[in-house]
PDB file of N, CA and C in Angstrom:
ATOM      1  N   UNK A   1     143.838 124.622 107.852  1.00  0.00           N
ATOM      2  CA  UNK A   1     142.762 123.979 107.096  1.00  0.00           C
ATOM      3  C   UNK A   1     141.425 124.465 107.652  1.00  0.00           C
ATOM      4  N   UNK A   2     140.484 124.684 106.780  1.00  0.00           N
ATOM      5  CA  UNK A   2     139.150 125.139 107.166  1.00  0.00           C
ATOM      6  C   UNK A   2     138.447 124.071 107.997  1.00  0.00           C
ATOM      7  N   UNK A   3     137.686 124.499 109.001  1.00  0.00           N
ATOM      8  CA  UNK A   3     137.044 123.552 109.919  1.00  0.00           C
ATOM      9  C   UNK A   3     136.090 122.590 109.187  1.00  0.00           C
ATOM     10  N   UNK A   4     135.317 123.087 108.234  1.00  0.00           N
ATOM     11  CA  UNK A   4     134.390 122.215 107.495  1.00  0.00           C
ATOM     12  C   UNK A   4     135.166 121.154 106.713  1.00  0.00           C
ATOM     13  N   UNK A   5     136.289 121.544 106.120  1.00  0.00           N
ATOM     14  CA  UNK A   5     137.112 120.582 105.381  1.00  0.00           C
ATOM     15  C   UNK A   5     137.682 119.534 106.332  1.00  0.00           C
ATOM     16  N   UNK A   6     138.087 119.965 107.523  1.00  0.00           N
ATOM     17  CA  UNK A   6     138.587 119.020 108.516  1.00  0.00           C
ATOM     18  C   UNK A   6     137.509 118.015 108.890  1.00  0.00           C
ATOM     19  N   UNK A   7     136.286 118.497 109.076  1.00  0.00           N
ATOM     20  CA  UNK A   7     135.191 117.599 109.449  1.00  0.00           C
ATOM     21  C   UNK A   7     134.915 116.596 108.344  1.00  0.00           C
ATOM     22  N   UNK A   8     134.984 117.033 107.079  1.00  0.00           N
ATOM     23  CA  UNK A   8     134.753 116.105 105.972  1.00  0.00           C
ATOM     24  C   UNK A   8     135.830 115.035 105.933  1.00  0.00           C
ATOM     25  N   UNK A   9     137.067 115.428 106.164  1.00  0.00           N
ATOM     26  CA  UNK A   9     138.164 114.464 106.165  1.00  0.00           C
ATOM     27  C   UNK A   9     138.004 113.505 107.333  1.00  0.00           C
ATOM     28  N   UNK A  10     137.658 114.016 108.501  1.00  0.00           N
ATOM     29  CA  UNK A  10     137.529 113.182 109.686  1.00  0.00           C
ATOM     30  C   UNK A  10     136.317 112.267 109.614  1.00  0.00           C
ATOM     31  N   UNK A  11     135.351 112.580 108.746  1.00  0.00           N
ATOM     32  CA  UNK A  11     134.119 111.809 108.674  1.00  0.00           C
ATOM     33  C   UNK A  11     134.280 110.531 107.851  1.00  0.00           C
ATOM     34  N   UNK A  12     135.453 110.309 107.266  1.00  0.00           N
ATOM     35  CA  UNK A  12     135.687 109.114 106.447  1.00  0.00           C
ATOM     36  C   UNK A  12     136.111 107.948 107.329  1.00  0.00           C
ATOM     37  N   UNK A  13     135.585 106.762 107.031  1.00  0.00           N
ATOM     38  CA  UNK A  13     135.911 105.545 107.759  1.00  0.00           C
ATOM     39  C   UNK A  13     136.343 104.459 106.793  1.00  0.00           C
ATOM     40  N   UNK A  14     137.082 103.518 107.313  1.00  0.00           N
ATOM     41  CA  UNK A  14     137.381 102.282 106.586  1.00  0.00           C
ATOM     42  C   UNK A  14     136.776 101.155 107.406  1.00  0.00           C
ATOM     43  N   UNK A  15     135.861 100.418 106.795  1.00  0.00           N
ATOM     44  CA  UNK A  15     135.233  99.304 107.508  1.00  0.00           C
ATOM     45  C   UNK A  15     135.423  98.026 106.699  1.00  0.00           C
ATOM     46  N   UNK A  16     135.258  96.921 107.363  1.00  0.00           N
ATOM     47  CA  UNK A  16     135.325  95.614 106.716  1.00  0.00           C
ATOM     48  C   UNK A  16     134.001  94.908 106.966  1.00  0.00           C
ATOM     49  N   UNK A  17     133.402  94.432 105.907  1.00  0.00           N
ATOM     50  CA  UNK A  17     132.142  93.711 106.011  1.00  0.00           C
ATOM     51  C   UNK A  17     132.359  92.257 105.608  1.00  0.00           C
ATOM     52  N   UNK A  18     131.609  91.377 106.231  1.00  0.00           N
ATOM     53  CA  UNK A  18     131.671  89.955 105.885  1.00  0.00           C
ATOM     54  C   UNK A  18     130.349  89.595 105.213  1.00  0.00           C
ATOM     55  N   UNK A  19     130.455  89.246 103.941  1.00  0.00           N
ATOM     56  CA  UNK A  19     129.268  88.935 103.147  1.00  0.00           C
ATOM     57  C   UNK A  19     129.423  87.526 102.597  1.00  0.00           C
ATOM     58  N   UNK A  20     128.478  86.680 102.928  1.00  0.00           N
ATOM     59  CA  UNK A  20     128.486  85.284 102.475  1.00  0.00           C
ATOM     60  C   UNK A  20     129.801  84.597 102.804  1.00  0.00           C
ATOM     61  N   UNK A  21     130.340  84.904 103.978  1.00  0.00           N
ATOM     62  CA  UNK A  21     131.541  84.244 104.449  1.00  0.00           C
ATOM     63  C   UNK A  21     132.855  84.841 103.973  1.00  0.00           C
ATOM     64  N   UNK A  22     132.806  85.856 103.138  1.00  0.00           N
ATOM     65  CA  UNK A  22     134.016  86.499 102.629  1.00  0.00           C
ATOM     66  C   UNK A  22     134.069  87.932 103.135  1.00  0.00           C
ATOM     67  N   UNK A  23     135.251  88.381 103.548  1.00  0.00           N
ATOM     68  CA  UNK A  23     135.393  89.749 104.034  1.00  0.00           C
ATOM     69  C   UNK A  23     135.771  90.679 102.885  1.00  0.00           C
ATOM     70  N   UNK A  24     135.202  91.880 102.940  1.00  0.00           N
ATOM     71  CA  UNK A  24     135.437  92.898 101.928  1.00  0.00           C
ATOM     72  C   UNK A  24     135.741  94.222 102.614  1.00  0.00           C
ATOM     73  N   UNK A  25     136.831  94.891 102.222  1.00  0.00           N
ATOM     74  CA  UNK A  25     137.120  96.209 102.792  1.00  0.00           C
ATOM     75  C   UNK A  25     136.321  97.297 102.064  1.00  0.00           C
ATOM     76  N   UNK A  26     135.868  98.255 102.817  1.00  0.00           N
ATOM     77  CA  UNK A  26     135.188  99.428 102.266  1.00  0.00           C
ATOM     78  C   UNK A  26     135.891 100.655 102.822  1.00  0.00           C
ATOM     79  N   UNK A  27     136.950 101.110 102.139  1.00  0.00           N
ATOM     80  CA  UNK A  27     137.691 102.270 102.640  1.00  0.00           C
ATOM     81  C   UNK A  27     137.018 103.580 102.233  1.00  0.00           C
ATOM     82  N   UNK A  28     137.180 104.574 103.083  1.00  0.00           N
ATOM     83  CA  UNK A  28     136.759 105.925 102.731  1.00  0.00           C
ATOM     84  C   UNK A  28     135.269 106.169 102.658  1.00  0.00           C
ATOM     85  N   UNK A  29     134.473 105.457 103.447  1.00  0.00           N
ATOM     86  CA  UNK A  29     133.038 105.739 103.441  1.00  0.00           C
ATOM     87  C   UNK A  29     132.741 106.849 104.441  1.00  0.00           C
ATOM     88  N   UNK A  30     131.667 107.560 104.238  1.00  0.00           N
ATOM     89  CA  UNK A  30     131.245 108.603 105.174  1.00  0.00           C
ATOM     90  C   UNK A  30     130.779 107.939 106.465  1.00  0.00           C
ATOM     91  N   UNK A  31     131.160 108.504 107.592  1.00  0.00           N
ATOM     92  CA  UNK A  31     130.752 107.919 108.876  1.00  0.00           C
ATOM     93  C   UNK A  31     129.234 107.893 109.011  1.00  0.00           C
ATOM     94  N   UNK A  32     128.563 108.846 108.386  1.00  0.00           N
ATOM     95  CA  UNK A  32     127.099 108.881 108.448  1.00  0.00           C
ATOM     96  C   UNK A  32     126.464 107.728 107.673  1.00  0.00           C
ATOM     97  N   UNK A  33     127.222 107.099 106.794  1.00  0.00           N
ATOM     98  CA  UNK A  33     126.719 105.990 105.981  1.00  0.00           C
ATOM     99  C   UNK A  33     127.048 104.621 106.567  1.00  0.00           C
ATOM    100  N   UNK A  34     127.833 104.579 107.644  1.00  0.00           N
ATOM    101  CA  UNK A  34     128.267 103.295 108.180  1.00  0.00           C
ATOM    102  C   UNK A  34     127.088 102.388 108.519  1.00  0.00           C
ATOM    103  N   UNK A  35     126.074 102.919 109.169  1.00  0.00           N
ATOM    104  CA  UNK A  35     124.936 102.084 109.564  1.00  0.00           C
ATOM    105  C   UNK A  35     124.218 101.512 108.339  1.00  0.00           C
ATOM    106  N   UNK A  36     124.159 102.267 107.254  1.00  0.00           N
ATOM    107  CA  UNK A  36     123.543 101.774 106.018  1.00  0.00           C
ATOM    108  C   UNK A  36     124.333 100.575 105.489  1.00  0.00           C
ATOM    109  N   UNK A  37     125.652 100.685 105.508  1.00  0.00           N
ATOM    110  CA  UNK A  37     126.503  99.576 105.065  1.00  0.00           C
ATOM    111  C   UNK A  37     126.299  98.345 105.944  1.00  0.00           C
ATOM    112  N   UNK A  38     126.248  98.568 107.253  1.00  0.00           N
ATOM    113  CA  UNK A  38     126.082  97.445 108.187  1.00  0.00           C
ATOM    114  C   UNK A  38     124.718  96.769 108.000  1.00  0.00           C
ATOM    115  N   UNK A  39     123.682  97.572 107.800  1.00  0.00           N
ATOM    116  CA  UNK A  39     122.345  96.995 107.582  1.00  0.00           C
ATOM    117  C   UNK A  39     122.293  96.223 106.272  1.00  0.00           C
ATOM    118  N   UNK A  40     122.944  96.770 105.239  1.00  0.00           N
ATOM    119  CA  UNK A  40     122.987  96.061 103.952  1.00  0.00           C
ATOM    120  C   UNK A  40     123.712  94.734 104.113  1.00  0.00           C
ATOM    121  N   UNK A  41     124.798  94.738 104.876  1.00  0.00           N
ATOM    122  CA  UNK A  41     125.526  93.496 105.145  1.00  0.00           C
ATOM    123  C   UNK A  41     124.611  92.472 105.811  1.00  0.00           C
ATOM    124  N   UNK A  42     123.875  92.904 106.832  1.00  0.00           N
ATOM    125  CA  UNK A  42     122.956  91.981 107.523  1.00  0.00           C
ATOM    126  C   UNK A  42     121.869  91.468 106.591  1.00  0.00           C
ATOM    127  N   UNK A  43     121.293  92.367 105.789  1.00  0.00           N
ATOM    128  CA  UNK A  43     120.218  91.958 104.877  1.00  0.00           C
ATOM    129  C   UNK A  43     120.707  90.940 103.845  1.00  0.00           C
ATOM    130  N   UNK A  44     121.865  91.203 103.250  1.00  0.00           N
ATOM    131  CA  UNK A  44     122.401  90.285 102.241  1.00  0.00           C
ATOM    132  C   UNK A  44     122.702  88.936 102.875  1.00  0.00           C
ATOM    133  N   UNK A  45     123.339  88.946 104.048  1.00  0.00           N
ATOM    134  CA  UNK A  45     123.655  87.680 104.714  1.00  0.00           C
ATOM    135  C   UNK A  45     122.396  86.920 105.104  1.00  0.00           C
ATOM    136  N   UNK A  46     121.363  87.636 105.525  1.00  0.00           N
ATOM    137  CA  UNK A  46     120.092  86.978 105.872  1.00  0.00           C
ATOM    138  C   UNK A  46     119.501  86.306 104.635  1.00  0.00           C
ATOM    139  N   UNK A  47     119.441  87.040 103.527  1.00  0.00           N
ATOM    140  CA  UNK A  47     118.909  86.467 102.288  1.00  0.00           C
ATOM    141  C   UNK A  47     119.786  85.321 101.787  1.00  0.00           C
ATOM    142  N   UNK A  48     121.089  85.469 101.935  1.00  0.00           N
ATOM    143  CA  UNK A  48     122.017  84.412 101.525  1.00  0.00           C
ATOM    144  C   UNK A  48     121.741  83.139 102.322  1.00  0.00           C
ATOM    145  N   UNK A  49     121.570  83.288 103.630  1.00  0.00           N
ATOM    146  CA  UNK A  49     121.306  82.119 104.475  1.00  0.00           C
ATOM    147  C   UNK A  49     119.932  81.514 104.186  1.00  0.00           C
ATOM    148  N   UNK A  50     118.944  82.370 103.870  1.00  0.00           N
ATOM    149  CA  UNK A  50     117.602  81.876 103.547  1.00  0.00           C
ATOM    150  C   UNK A  50     117.591  81.106 102.229  1.00  0.00           C
ATOM    151  N   UNK A  51     118.484  81.471 101.308  1.00  0.00           N
ATOM    152  CA  UNK A  51     118.506  80.793 100.007  1.00  0.00           C
ATOM    153  C   UNK A  51     119.467  79.612 100.004  1.00  0.00           C
ATOM    154  N   UNK A  52     120.035  79.298 101.171  1.00  0.00           N
ATOM    155  CA  UNK A  52     121.008  78.197 101.253  1.00  0.00           C
ATOM    156  C   UNK A  52     120.373  76.891 100.781  1.00  0.00           C
ATOM    157  N   UNK A  53     121.034  76.256  99.877  1.00  0.00           N
ATOM    158  CA  UNK A  53     120.573  74.976  99.343  1.00  0.00           C
ATOM    159  C   UNK A  53     121.817  74.184  98.955  1.00  0.00           C
ATOM    160  N   UNK A  54     121.896  72.924  99.369  1.00  0.00           N
ATOM    161  CA  UNK A  54     123.118  72.145  99.110  1.00  0.00           C
ATOM    162  C   UNK A  54     123.501  72.050  97.641  1.00  0.00           C
ATOM    163  N   UNK A  55     122.546  72.144  96.747  1.00  0.00           N
ATOM    164  CA  UNK A  55     122.874  71.978  95.327  1.00  0.00           C
ATOM    165  C   UNK A  55     123.336  73.284  94.677  1.00  0.00           C
ATOM    166  N   UNK A  56     123.233  74.401  95.402  1.00  0.00           N
ATOM    167  CA  UNK A  56     123.636  75.688  94.827  1.00  0.00           C
ATOM    168  C   UNK A  56     125.023  76.089  95.291  1.00  0.00           C
ATOM    169  N   UNK A  57     125.814  76.541  94.365  1.00  0.00           N
ATOM    170  CA  UNK A  57     127.116  77.103  94.709  1.00  0.00           C
ATOM    171  C   UNK A  57     126.888  78.476  95.348  1.00  0.00           C
ATOM    172  N   UNK A  58     127.813  78.916  96.196  1.00  0.00           N
ATOM    173  CA  UNK A  58     127.653  80.245  96.821  1.00  0.00           C
ATOM    174  C   UNK A  58     127.444  81.360  95.803  1.00  0.00           C
ATOM    175  N   UNK A  59     128.136  81.294  94.666  1.00  0.00           N
ATOM    176  CA  UNK A  59     127.962  82.347  93.653  1.00  0.00           C
ATOM    177  C   UNK A  59     126.532  82.339  93.096  1.00  0.00           C
ATOM    178  N   UNK A  60     125.925  81.165  92.990  1.00  0.00           N
ATOM    179  CA  UNK A  60     124.545  81.083  92.514  1.00  0.00           C
ATOM    180  C   UNK A  60     123.575  81.610  93.570  1.00  0.00           C
ATOM    181  N   UNK A  61     123.872  81.319  94.838  1.00  0.00           N
ATOM    182  CA  UNK A  61     123.047  81.856  95.918  1.00  0.00           C
ATOM    183  C   UNK A  61     123.127  83.381  95.924  1.00  0.00           C
ATOM    184  N   UNK A  62     124.333  83.919  95.747  1.00  0.00           N
ATOM    185  CA  UNK A  62     124.484  85.377  95.707  1.00  0.00           C
ATOM    186  C   UNK A  62     123.773  85.977  94.501  1.00  0.00           C
ATOM    187  N   UNK A  63     123.763  85.256  93.381  1.00  0.00           N
ATOM    188  CA  UNK A  63     123.030  85.729  92.202  1.00  0.00           C
ATOM    189  C   UNK A  63     121.538  85.818  92.515  1.00  0.00           C
ATOM    190  N   UNK A  64     121.011  84.835  93.243  1.00  0.00           N
ATOM    191  CA  UNK A  64     119.596  84.868  93.629  1.00  0.00           C
ATOM    192  C   UNK A  64     119.312  86.011  94.602  1.00  0.00           C
ATOM    193  N   UNK A  65     120.247  86.262  95.519  1.00  0.00           N
ATOM    194  CA  UNK A  65     120.102  87.385  96.450  1.00  0.00           C
ATOM    195  C   UNK A  65     120.092  88.697  95.667  1.00  0.00           C
ATOM    196  N   UNK A  66     121.029  88.853  94.729  1.00  0.00           N
ATOM    197  CA  UNK A  66     121.086  90.072  93.917  1.00  0.00           C
ATOM    198  C   UNK A  66     119.791  90.251  93.126  1.00  0.00           C
ATOM    199  N   UNK A  67     119.280  89.165  92.574  1.00  0.00           N
ATOM    200  CA  UNK A  67     118.029  89.229  91.815  1.00  0.00           C
ATOM    201  C   UNK A  67     116.874  89.682  92.709  1.00  0.00           C
ATOM    202  N   UNK A  68     116.764  89.088  93.892  1.00  0.00           N
ATOM    203  CA  UNK A  68     115.680  89.446  94.812  1.00  0.00           C
ATOM    204  C   UNK A  68     115.768  90.926  95.211  1.00  0.00           C
ATOM    205  N   UNK A  69     116.970  91.395  95.531  1.00  0.00           N
ATOM    206  CA  UNK A  69     117.135  92.798  95.918  1.00  0.00           C
ATOM    207  C   UNK A  69     116.839  93.739  94.752  1.00  0.00           C
ATOM    208  N   UNK A  70     117.252  93.358  93.547  1.00  0.00           N
ATOM    209  CA  UNK A  70     116.975  94.185  92.369  1.00  0.00           C
ATOM    210  C   UNK A  70     115.470  94.258  92.106  1.00  0.00           C
ATOM    211  N   UNK A  71     114.794  93.127  92.257  1.00  0.00           N
ATOM    212  CA  UNK A  71     113.342  93.084  92.048  1.00  0.00           C
ATOM    213  C   UNK A  71     112.640  93.991  93.065  1.00  0.00           C
ATOM    214  N   UNK A  72     113.060  93.913  94.324  1.00  0.00           N
ATOM    215  CA  UNK A  72     112.472  94.765  95.360  1.00  0.00           C
ATOM    216  C   UNK A  72     112.744  96.242  95.083  1.00  0.00           C
ATOM    217  N   UNK A  73     113.952  96.547  94.595  1.00  0.00           N
ATOM    218  CA  UNK A  73     114.316  97.922  94.277  1.00  0.00           C
ATOM    219  C   UNK A  73     113.448  98.469  93.147  1.00  0.00           C
ATOM    220  N   UNK A  74     113.215  97.666  92.136  1.00  0.00           N
ATOM    221  CA  UNK A  74     112.367  98.083  91.007  1.00  0.00           C
ATOM    222  C   UNK A  74     110.941  98.324  91.477  1.00  0.00           C
ATOM    223  N   UNK A  75     110.424  97.426  92.315  1.00  0.00           N
ATOM    224  CA  UNK A  75     109.065  97.598  92.837  1.00  0.00           C
ATOM    225  C   UNK A  75     108.969  98.863  93.686  1.00  0.00           C
ATOM    226  N   UNK A  76     109.997  99.133  94.480  1.00  0.00           N
ATOM    227  CA  UNK A  76     110.007 100.333  95.321  1.00  0.00           C
ATOM    228  C   UNK A  76     110.029 101.596  94.464  1.00  0.00           C
ATOM    229  N   UNK A  77     110.870 101.602  93.430  1.00  0.00           N
ATOM    230  CA  UNK A  77     110.929 102.757  92.528  1.00  0.00           C
ATOM    231  C   UNK A  77     109.588 102.969  91.840  1.00  0.00           C
ATOM    232  N   UNK A  78     108.936 101.888  91.418  1.00  0.00           N
ATOM    233  CA  UNK A  78     107.640 102.001  90.748  1.00  0.00           C
ATOM    234  C   UNK A  78     106.591 102.562  91.703  1.00  0.00           C
ATOM    235  N   UNK A  79     106.595 102.118  92.949  1.00  0.00           N
ATOM    236  CA  UNK A  79     105.604 102.609  93.905  1.00  0.00           C
ATOM    237  C   UNK A  79     105.864 104.071  94.237  1.00  0.00           C
ATOM    238  N   UNK A  80     107.138 104.470  94.303  1.00  0.00           N
ATOM    239  CA  UNK A  80     107.460 105.887  94.547  1.00  0.00           C
ATOM    240  C   UNK A  80     107.029 106.744  93.375  1.00  0.00           C
ATOM    241  N   UNK A  81     107.255 106.230  92.171  1.00  0.00           N
ATOM    242  CA  UNK A  81     106.856 106.962  90.972  1.00  0.00           C
ATOM    243  C   UNK A  81     105.353 107.151  90.953  1.00  0.00           C
ATOM    244  N   UNK A  82     104.629 106.102  91.294  1.00  0.00           N
ATOM    245  CA  UNK A  82     103.176 106.182  91.355  1.00  0.00           C
ATOM    246  C   UNK A  82     102.749 107.208  92.397  1.00  0.00           C
ATOM    247  N   UNK A  83     103.439 107.221  93.528  1.00  0.00           N
ATOM    248  CA  UNK A  83     103.141 108.191  94.580  1.00  0.00           C
ATOM    249  C   UNK A  83     103.399 109.610  94.113  1.00  0.00           C
ATOM    250  N   UNK A  84     104.486 109.821  93.363  1.00  0.00           N
ATOM    251  CA  UNK A  84     104.797 111.148  92.817  1.00  0.00           C
ATOM    252  C   UNK A  84     103.718 111.573  91.830  1.00  0.00           C
ATOM    253  N   UNK A  85     103.296 110.632  90.968  1.00  0.00           N
ATOM    254  CA  UNK A  85     102.244 110.939  90.001  1.00  0.00           C
ATOM    255  C   UNK A  85     100.944 111.294  90.714  1.00  0.00           C
ATOM    256  N   UNK A  86     100.624 110.560  91.750  1.00  0.00           N
ATOM    257  CA  UNK A  86      99.403 110.824  92.512  1.00  0.00           C
ATOM    258  C   UNK A  86      99.466 112.193  93.182  1.00  0.00           C
ATOM    259  N   UNK A  87     100.625 112.540  93.735  1.00  0.00           N
ATOM    260  CA  UNK A  87     100.801 113.864  94.339  1.00  0.00           C
ATOM    261  C   UNK A  87     100.610 114.956  93.304  1.00  0.00           C
ATOM    262  N   UNK A  88     101.180 114.767  92.111  1.00  0.00           N
ATOM    263  CA  UNK A  88     101.043 115.772  91.052  1.00  0.00           C
ATOM    264  C   UNK A  88      99.592 115.894  90.604  1.00  0.00           C
ATOM    265  N   UNK A  89      98.879 114.778  90.473  1.00  0.00           N
ATOM    266  CA  UNK A  89      97.462 114.829  90.104  1.00  0.00           C
ATOM    267  C   UNK A  89      96.638 115.544  91.176  1.00  0.00           C
ATOM    268  N   UNK A  90      96.980 115.319  92.433  1.00  0.00           N
ATOM    269  CA  UNK A  90      96.289 116.008  93.524  1.00  0.00           C
ATOM    270  C   UNK A  90      96.515 117.510  93.424  1.00  0.00           C
ATOM    271  N   UNK A  91      97.750 117.911  93.121  1.00  0.00           N
ATOM    272  CA  UNK A  91      98.059 119.337  92.954  1.00  0.00           C
ATOM    273  C   UNK A  91      97.271 119.934  91.791  1.00  0.00           C
ATOM    274  N   UNK A  92      97.202 119.210  90.673  1.00  0.00           N
ATOM    275  CA  UNK A  92      96.457 119.694  89.507  1.00  0.00           C
ATOM    276  C   UNK A  92      94.972 119.812  89.841  1.00  0.00           C
ATOM    277  N   UNK A  93      94.440 118.824  90.554  1.00  0.00           N
ATOM    278  CA  UNK A  93      93.034 118.861  90.960  1.00  0.00           C
ATOM    279  C   UNK A  93      92.752 120.093  91.816  1.00  0.00           C
ATOM    280  N   UNK A  94      93.641 120.390  92.743  1.00  0.00           N
ATOM    281  CA  UNK A  94      93.459 121.564  93.605  1.00  0.00           C
ATOM    282  C   UNK A  94      93.507 122.844  92.775  1.00  0.00           C
ATOM    283  N   UNK A  95      94.472 122.925  91.843  1.00  0.00           N
ATOM    284  CA  UNK A  95      94.579 124.103  90.982  1.00  0.00           C
ATOM    285  C   UNK A  95      93.308 124.293  90.162  1.00  0.00           C
ATOM    286  N   UNK A  96      92.795 123.201  89.604  1.00  0.00           N
ATOM    287  CA  UNK A  96      91.562 123.292  88.811  1.00  0.00           C
ATOM    288  C   UNK A  96      90.376 123.732  89.672  1.00  0.00           C
ATOM    289  N   UNK A  97      90.260 123.155  90.844  1.00  0.00           N
ATOM    290  CA  UNK A  97      89.164 123.548  91.745  1.00  0.00           C
ATOM    291  C   UNK A  97      89.270 125.011  92.148  1.00  0.00           C
ATOM    292  N   UNK A  98      90.480 125.478  92.442  1.00  0.00           N
ATOM    293  CA  UNK A  98      90.683 126.890  92.792  1.00  0.00           C
ATOM    294  C   UNK A  98      90.315 127.794  91.617  1.00  0.00           C
ATOM    295  N   UNK A  99      90.725 127.400  90.418  1.00  0.00           N
ATOM    296  CA  UNK A  99      90.423 128.184  89.224  1.00  0.00           C
ATOM    297  C   UNK A  99      88.915 128.239  88.986  1.00  0.00           C
ATOM    298  N   UNK A 100      88.258 127.074  89.066  1.00  0.00           N
ATOM    299  CA  UNK A 100      86.818 127.030  88.831  1.00  0.00           C
ATOM    300  C   UNK A 100      86.068 127.848  89.888  1.00  0.00           C
ATOM    301  N   UNK A 101      86.504 127.755  91.129  1.00  0.00           N
ATOM    302  CA  UNK A 101      85.863 128.539  92.185  1.00  0.00           C
ATOM    303  C   UNK A 101      86.019 130.029  91.945  1.00  0.00           C
ATOM    304  N   UNK A 102      87.185 130.441  91.469  1.00  0.00           N
ATOM    305  CA  UNK A 102      87.427 131.850  91.169  1.00  0.00           C
ATOM    306  C   UNK A 102      86.582 132.316  89.989  1.00  0.00           C
ATOM    307  N   UNK A 103      86.458 131.461  88.967  1.00  0.00           N
ATOM    308  CA  UNK A 103      85.662 131.826  87.779  1.00  0.00           C
ATOM    309  C   UNK A 103      84.172 131.924  88.136  1.00  0.00           C
ATOM    310  N   UNK A 104      83.684 131.009  88.950  1.00  0.00           N
ATOM    311  CA  UNK A 104      82.273 131.043  89.357  1.00  0.00           C
ATOM    312  C   UNK A 104      82.036 132.290  90.193  1.00  0.00           C
ATOM    313  N   UNK A 105      82.990 132.678  91.007  1.00  0.00           N
ATOM    314  CA  UNK A 105      82.866 133.870  91.835  1.00  0.00           C
ATOM    315  C   UNK A 105      82.820 135.148  91.022  1.00  0.00           C
ATOM    316  N   UNK A 106      83.377 135.160  89.810  1.00  0.00           N
ATOM    317  CA  UNK A 106      83.358 136.325  88.952  1.00  0.00           C
ATOM    318  C   UNK A 106      82.005 136.570  88.343  1.00  0.00           C
ATOM    319  N   UNK A 107      81.204 135.509  88.207  1.00  0.00           N
ATOM    320  CA  UNK A 107      79.905 135.614  87.519  1.00  0.00           C
ATOM    321  C   UNK A 107      78.835 136.066  88.438  1.00  0.00           C
TER     322      UNK A 107
END
């Protein structure tokens, strides 16, 4: 077997995460992604515990956690998009300034 293929096979892990008191298996994840999974587990459990309210069922608390994370994800995507647009406008501004400087230099 090729060494790179061996490394890809060896890089797979099976982990178990506990989310809102229930354990879930995650087989076959990349070892490089394990910390991301663990951090997500901590974040969800933190939000779950923060939204704890005696009148809410666990499924409703998890729905609120999912909503909060989705809202944050949308805001993050929007801010990144704005940043990309700003970068592109900066590039266009530089191109225009370079063009104008070259045209003025011709006269």
